[in-house]
Protein backbone atom coordinates (compact mmCIF):
# COMPACT_ATOMS: atom_id res chain seq x y z
CA MET A 1 3.80 -16.92 2.12
CA ASP A 2 6.59 -14.25 1.83
CA GLY A 3 5.15 -10.89 2.44
CA THR A 4 8.41 -8.94 3.32
CA ILE A 5 8.36 -5.39 1.41
CA ALA A 6 11.25 -2.84 1.84
CA LEU A 7 10.81 0.92 1.73
CA TRP A 8 13.83 3.38 1.58
CA PHE A 9 15.02 6.70 0.13
CA GLU A 10 18.05 8.31 -1.42
CA PRO A 11 19.07 11.45 -0.01
CA ASN A 12 20.43 14.80 -1.62
CA ASP A 13 22.63 15.13 1.54
CA THR A 14 23.54 12.35 3.78
CA ALA A 15 24.19 14.78 6.74
CA GLN A 16 20.54 16.15 6.67
CA PRO A 17 17.35 14.45 8.16
CA ALA A 18 15.34 11.62 6.83
CA PRO A 19 12.04 12.67 5.41
CA LYS A 20 8.94 11.54 7.26
CA LEU A 21 6.46 9.02 5.93
CA SER A 22 3.08 8.08 6.96
CA LEU A 23 2.16 4.59 5.08
CA HIS A 24 -1.25 3.18 4.13
CA ILE A 25 -1.49 -0.24 3.30
CA ASN A 26 -4.80 -1.88 1.94
CA VAL A 27 -5.08 -5.48 1.10
CA TRP A 28 -8.39 -6.10 -0.92
CA LYS A 29 -9.52 -9.66 -0.95
CA ASP A 30 -12.69 -11.40 -2.31
CA VAL A 31 -13.62 -8.37 -4.43
CA SER A 32 -13.10 -10.52 -7.67
CA LYS A 33 -12.57 -14.09 -8.70
CA THR A 34 -10.04 -12.81 -11.17
CA TYR A 35 -7.58 -11.24 -8.96
CA ASN A 36 -7.12 -9.37 -5.63
CA PHE A 37 -5.20 -6.06 -5.05
CA LEU A 38 -2.76 -4.18 -2.69
CA ASP A 39 -2.85 -0.48 -2.62
CA ILE A 40 -0.17 1.57 -0.88
CA GLY A 41 -0.30 5.25 -0.15
CA PHE A 42 2.75 7.02 0.84
CA ARG A 43 2.04 10.45 2.78
CA LEU A 44 5.52 12.51 2.77
CA SER A 45 6.53 15.29 4.91
CA GLU A 46 9.58 17.56 5.56
CA ALA A 47 11.06 16.11 2.32
CA GLU A 48 13.74 18.64 1.29
CA ASN A 49 16.12 15.88 1.42
CA LEU A 50 14.38 13.53 -0.60
CA LYS A 51 15.96 12.69 -4.07
CA ARG A 52 14.37 9.44 -4.69
CA PHE A 53 12.68 6.70 -3.11
CA PHE A 54 12.39 2.89 -3.41
CA LEU A 55 9.75 0.05 -2.89
CA PHE A 56 10.89 -3.48 -2.96
CA PHE A 57 8.31 -6.06 -3.84
CA PRO A 58 8.94 -10.00 -3.69
CA ALA A 59 7.27 -10.47 -6.81
CA ASP A 60 8.02 -9.48 -10.71
CA LEU A 61 5.85 -6.22 -11.25
CA ARG A 62 7.14 -5.57 -14.73
CA SER A 63 4.09 -6.70 -16.67
CA GLY A 64 1.55 -3.99 -15.85
CA ALA A 65 0.93 -5.07 -12.20
CA ILE A 66 1.12 -1.28 -11.00
CA SER A 67 -1.32 1.60 -11.48
CA ASP A 68 -1.76 5.09 -10.29
CA LEU A 69 -4.75 5.72 -8.01
CA SER A 70 -4.72 9.44 -8.04
CA PRO A 71 -7.44 9.93 -10.71
CA VAL A 72 -9.55 7.47 -8.76
CA LEU A 73 -9.00 9.69 -5.65
CA LYS A 74 -10.02 12.70 -7.38
CA PHE A 75 -13.43 11.28 -8.51
CA GLY A 76 -16.60 11.75 -6.18
CA LYS A 77 -16.32 11.34 -2.41
CA VAL A 78 -13.37 8.73 -2.62
CA LEU A 79 -11.09 11.17 -0.43
CA HIS A 80 -13.85 11.09 2.13
CA ALA A 81 -13.72 7.30 2.04
CA VAL A 82 -9.75 6.95 1.87
CA PHE A 83 -9.08 9.37 4.67
CA ASN A 84 -12.24 8.83 6.74
CA ASP A 85 -12.99 12.58 6.86
CA VAL A 86 -14.05 15.53 4.54
CA VAL A 87 -11.29 16.29 2.34
CA GLU A 88 -12.04 18.45 -0.54
CA VAL A 89 -10.22 18.94 -3.87
CA THR A 90 -9.03 22.73 -4.26
CA ASP A 91 -6.65 23.51 -7.07
CA SER A 92 -5.79 21.14 -9.79
CA GLU A 93 -2.67 21.04 -11.85
CA GLU A 94 -1.36 19.06 -14.71
CA THR A 95 0.87 16.77 -12.60
CA SER A 96 -1.10 17.05 -9.01
CA PHE A 97 -4.10 18.49 -7.49
CA ARG A 98 -4.40 20.07 -3.88
CA THR A 99 -6.86 19.20 -0.95
CA GLU A 100 -7.90 20.65 2.08
CA LEU A 101 -9.51 19.63 5.26
CA ASP A 102 -11.76 21.81 7.36
CA GLY A 103 -10.60 24.87 5.27
CA ALA A 104 -6.80 24.38 5.98
CA PRO A 105 -4.41 22.85 3.62
CA PHE A 106 -4.17 18.91 3.82
CA LEU A 107 -2.21 17.06 0.98
CA MET A 108 -0.88 17.63 -2.43
CA VAL A 109 -1.80 14.36 -4.36
CA HIS A 110 0.59 13.52 -7.44
CA HIS A 111 -0.35 12.21 -10.72
CA LEU A 112 2.09 9.51 -11.88
CA ASP A 113 3.43 9.31 -15.26
CA LEU A 114 4.34 5.52 -15.26
CA ASP A 115 6.89 5.82 -17.79
CA GLN A 116 8.54 9.01 -16.42
CA ASP A 117 8.00 9.05 -12.56
CA ILE A 118 8.70 5.31 -11.79
CA SER A 119 11.22 2.64 -12.90
CA ILE A 120 11.05 -0.86 -12.27
CA GLN A 121 14.02 -3.34 -12.19
CA PRO A 122 13.97 -6.99 -11.29
CA VAL A 123 16.03 -8.36 -8.32
CA LEU A 124 17.28 -11.99 -7.90
CA MET A 125 15.78 -13.71 -4.96
CA ALA A 126 16.47 -17.02 -3.43
CA SER A 127 15.41 -20.18 -5.37
CA ASN A 128 15.79 -17.99 -8.55
CA ARG A 129 12.67 -16.13 -7.86
CA THR A 130 12.54 -12.45 -9.09
CA GLY A 131 11.55 -9.46 -7.08
CA SER A 132 10.86 -6.06 -8.13
CA THR A 133 12.38 -2.38 -7.07
CA VAL A 134 10.11 0.20 -7.93
CA MET A 135 12.12 3.51 -7.96
CA PHE A 136 10.15 6.75 -7.61
CA THR A 137 12.27 9.07 -9.80
CA ASP A 138 13.89 12.23 -9.33
CA GLY A 139 11.52 14.09 -11.39
CA LEU A 140 8.68 13.22 -9.05
CA CYS A 141 10.72 13.94 -6.10
CA ALA A 142 11.70 17.20 -7.59
CA ARG A 143 7.89 18.17 -7.54
CA ILE A 144 7.77 17.25 -4.10
CA ARG A 145 10.76 19.19 -2.86
CA ALA A 146 9.51 22.22 -4.54
CA ARG A 147 6.69 22.23 -1.95
CA ALA A 148 8.31 20.98 1.08
CA ASP A 149 6.14 23.13 3.36
CA ILE A 150 3.18 20.92 2.71
CA ASP A 151 2.48 17.09 3.11
CA HIS A 152 2.44 15.11 -0.20
CA TYR A 153 0.81 11.88 -1.31
CA VAL A 154 1.17 9.17 -3.69
CA ARG A 155 -1.07 6.20 -4.10
CA ILE A 156 -0.31 3.06 -6.10
CA ARG A 157 -2.07 -0.48 -6.73
CA LEU A 158 -0.30 -3.65 -7.37
CA LYS A 159 -2.50 -6.26 -9.02
CA LEU A 160 -2.21 -9.50 -7.28
CA THR A 161 -3.03 -12.51 -9.51
CA GLU A 162 -2.23 -15.91 -9.14
CA HIS A 163 1.16 -16.74 -7.07
CA LEU A 164 1.23 -12.81 -5.98
CA ASP A 165 -1.62 -13.21 -4.04
CA GLU A 166 -0.07 -16.08 -2.04
CA LEU A 167 2.74 -13.42 -0.92
CA PHE A 168 0.65 -12.30 1.87
CA SER A 169 -1.69 -15.05 2.70
CA SER A 170 -1.55 -18.96 3.23
CA GLU A 171 -4.21 -21.29 3.83
CA MET A 172 -3.98 -24.15 6.69
CA ARG A 173 -6.56 -27.03 6.90
CA SER A 174 -7.29 -28.62 10.31
CA GLY A 175 -7.48 -32.19 10.75
CA ASP A 176 -7.78 -34.87 8.00
CA TRP A 177 -8.39 -33.03 4.77
CA ARG A 178 -10.59 -35.78 3.64
CA PHE A 179 -13.23 -35.07 6.06
CA ALA A 180 -12.70 -31.48 7.27
CA SER A 181 -15.28 -28.86 5.81
CA ALA A 182 -14.50 -25.87 4.28
CA ALA A 183 -15.60 -24.00 7.34
CA ASN A 184 -12.46 -25.57 9.14
CA ASP A 185 -10.06 -23.97 6.68
CA LEU A 186 -7.89 -21.16 8.16
CA GLU A 187 -6.01 -18.39 6.42
CA LEU A 188 -3.17 -16.43 7.59
CA THR A 189 -2.52 -13.02 6.45
CA GLU A 190 0.57 -10.93 7.15
CA ILE A 191 2.75 -8.11 5.89
CA ARG A 192 5.90 -7.29 6.94
CA LEU A 193 8.18 -3.96 6.49
CA ASN A 194 11.84 -3.50 6.51
CA GLU A 195 12.67 -7.01 7.92
CA ARG A 196 16.35 -7.05 6.87
CA ARG A 197 16.97 -10.58 7.58
CA SER A 198 14.59 -11.47 4.68
CA PHE A 199 15.89 -9.06 2.19
CA PRO A 200 17.91 -10.19 -1.01
CA PRO A 201 21.65 -9.07 -0.68
CA GLU A 202 21.08 -6.39 -3.24
CA ILE A 203 18.46 -4.80 -1.26
CA THR A 204 20.19 -4.95 1.89
CA ARG A 205 23.29 -3.04 0.12
CA ALA A 206 20.81 -0.67 -1.58
CA SER A 207 18.82 0.24 1.64
CA ARG A 208 21.52 0.37 4.33
CA ASP A 209 20.87 3.73 6.51
CA ARG A 210 18.44 5.07 4.18
CA PHE A 211 15.21 4.35 5.81
CA PHE A 212 12.42 6.92 6.22
CA THR A 213 11.29 8.40 9.75
CA ILE A 214 8.18 6.52 10.05
CA LYS A 215 5.47 8.49 11.83
CA SER A 216 2.63 5.89 11.50
CA ILE A 217 1.49 2.77 9.54
CA HIS A 218 -2.20 2.09 8.81
CA TYR A 219 -2.85 -1.25 7.54
CA PHE A 220 -6.40 -2.03 6.18
CA LEU A 221 -7.82 -5.65 5.53
CA VAL A 222 -10.96 -5.88 3.29
CA ARG A 223 -12.80 -9.21 3.25
CA HIS A 224 -16.09 -10.60 2.69
CA VAL A 225 -18.75 -10.39 5.34
CA GLU A 226 -19.01 -13.95 5.70
CA LYS A 227 -15.16 -14.69 6.42
CA GLN A 228 -14.90 -14.78 9.96
CA LEU A 229 -11.95 -13.21 11.87
CA VAL A 230 -10.87 -15.59 14.29
CA LEU A 231 -7.59 -14.21 15.76
CA GLN A 232 -5.87 -10.81 15.52
CA TYR A 233 -2.82 -8.94 16.54
CA PRO A 234 -2.83 -6.38 17.60
CA GLU A 235 -6.43 -5.49 17.91
CA ALA A 236 -8.27 -3.96 15.21
CA ARG A 237 -8.67 -0.11 15.88
CA LYS A 238 -12.01 0.00 13.66
CA VAL A 239 -14.14 -2.52 12.01
CA ARG A 240 -17.01 -1.49 9.68
CA ARG A 241 -18.97 -2.36 6.58
CA LEU A 242 -17.86 -0.58 3.24
CA GLU A 243 -20.39 1.81 2.19
CA PRO A 244 -21.11 1.27 -1.73
CA ALA A 245 -21.95 5.22 -2.38
CA LEU A 246 -18.48 6.03 -0.98
CA TRP A 247 -16.40 2.95 -2.27
CA GLY A 248 -17.94 2.44 -5.57
CA PRO A 249 -15.94 5.17 -7.46
CA TYR A 250 -12.84 3.81 -5.74
CA LEU A 251 -13.48 0.33 -7.31
CA SER A 252 -15.14 1.22 -10.65
CA ASP A 253 -12.14 1.08 -12.78
CA GLN A 254 -11.73 -2.62 -12.02
CA PRO A 255 -12.52 -4.37 -15.37
CA ALA A 256 -13.19 -7.66 -13.30
CA ILE A 257 -16.11 -6.25 -11.59
CA GLU A 258 -19.26 -5.82 -13.70
CA PRO A 259 -20.71 -2.17 -13.26
CA LYS A 260 -24.25 -3.51 -12.31
CA ARG A 261 -22.71 -5.88 -9.59
CA LEU A 262 -20.37 -3.18 -8.05
CA ASN A 263 -22.68 -2.01 -5.32
CA LYS A 264 -23.55 -5.42 -4.41
CA VAL A 265 -20.20 -6.47 -4.12
CA ILE A 266 -19.02 -3.67 -1.86
CA GLY A 267 -21.89 -4.10 0.34
CA LYS A 268 -20.68 -7.40 1.43
CA LEU A 269 -17.32 -6.30 2.31
CA MET A 270 -15.93 -5.60 5.81
CA ILE A 271 -13.16 -3.46 6.31
CA TYR A 272 -10.51 -3.92 9.27
CA HIS A 273 -8.29 -1.04 10.37
CA TRP A 274 -5.06 -1.46 12.39
CA ARG A 275 -2.96 1.61 13.21
CA GLY A 276 0.51 1.58 14.41
CA LEU A 277 3.26 3.76 15.57
CA ALA A 278 6.85 3.97 14.20
CA PRO A 279 8.88 0.44 14.59
CA PRO A 280 12.40 0.29 15.75
CA PRO A 281 15.03 0.99 13.20
CA PRO A 282 15.82 -1.80 10.99
CA SER A 283 19.14 -2.51 12.54
CA GLN A 284 17.06 -3.61 15.55
CA GLU A 285 15.55 -6.89 15.95
CA LYS A 286 11.98 -6.54 16.10
CA THR A 287 10.64 -5.37 12.90
CA LYS A 288 7.44 -7.22 12.30
CA LEU A 289 4.28 -5.09 12.14
CA PHE A 290 1.14 -7.20 11.54
């Protein structure tokens, strides 16, 4: 398990304040036998100084592992499900759409052109492994800077297949494996953000003194209802069963799930929600989130 990710930005002016960020991380498991996935949402505010921003992921993402979730957010009541509130789409443009909450402006959600708005570069890691730096380009950030008076939202999905799924989870079997039942198997799930001691040297240099002002971090873990959560830290803020009517459209683009089975699959999933305040700056010791 090596679930450390890094997130930083490149400023237009090093003397100006860092943009503010609320981060949404959703780990989806037990949805399909073929793969699981990780959704990351970036809510950006006060972004006048945002030239580009970067996400380091400890795996090779160059083979079509990233997709843009903005078209899915626009469909049906997906926004209600994602933000747990009555968020409505108002104006739509070619590269974005606006939303409102209780009649007030809420977020501008950006569509991503995966050839123009992001760029993926390989990063050499320990033991000859390959990681990836995902750069969100100046073209995208220019659209965000043009409306710095409102909050902006970008949401992507990372497809986790085979060894990628093991980045955030590891299985432990208690007792003698020849006699222990599957019920005694334990799985540890963990994600770490901006833990600099785990960065490859290239990422340590690139991200130095360029971290966002993090307002909040929302972490969601989605598991089958039969998976028993035996230990958690910190305590979950909310636990609930997923509603097929709300979440069906959010997963309807997944080819590994047969459309006729979609609602049945969703009806057997539980979502656990943890919310954290801003972690200490990465230069300090305490950087583990969950």
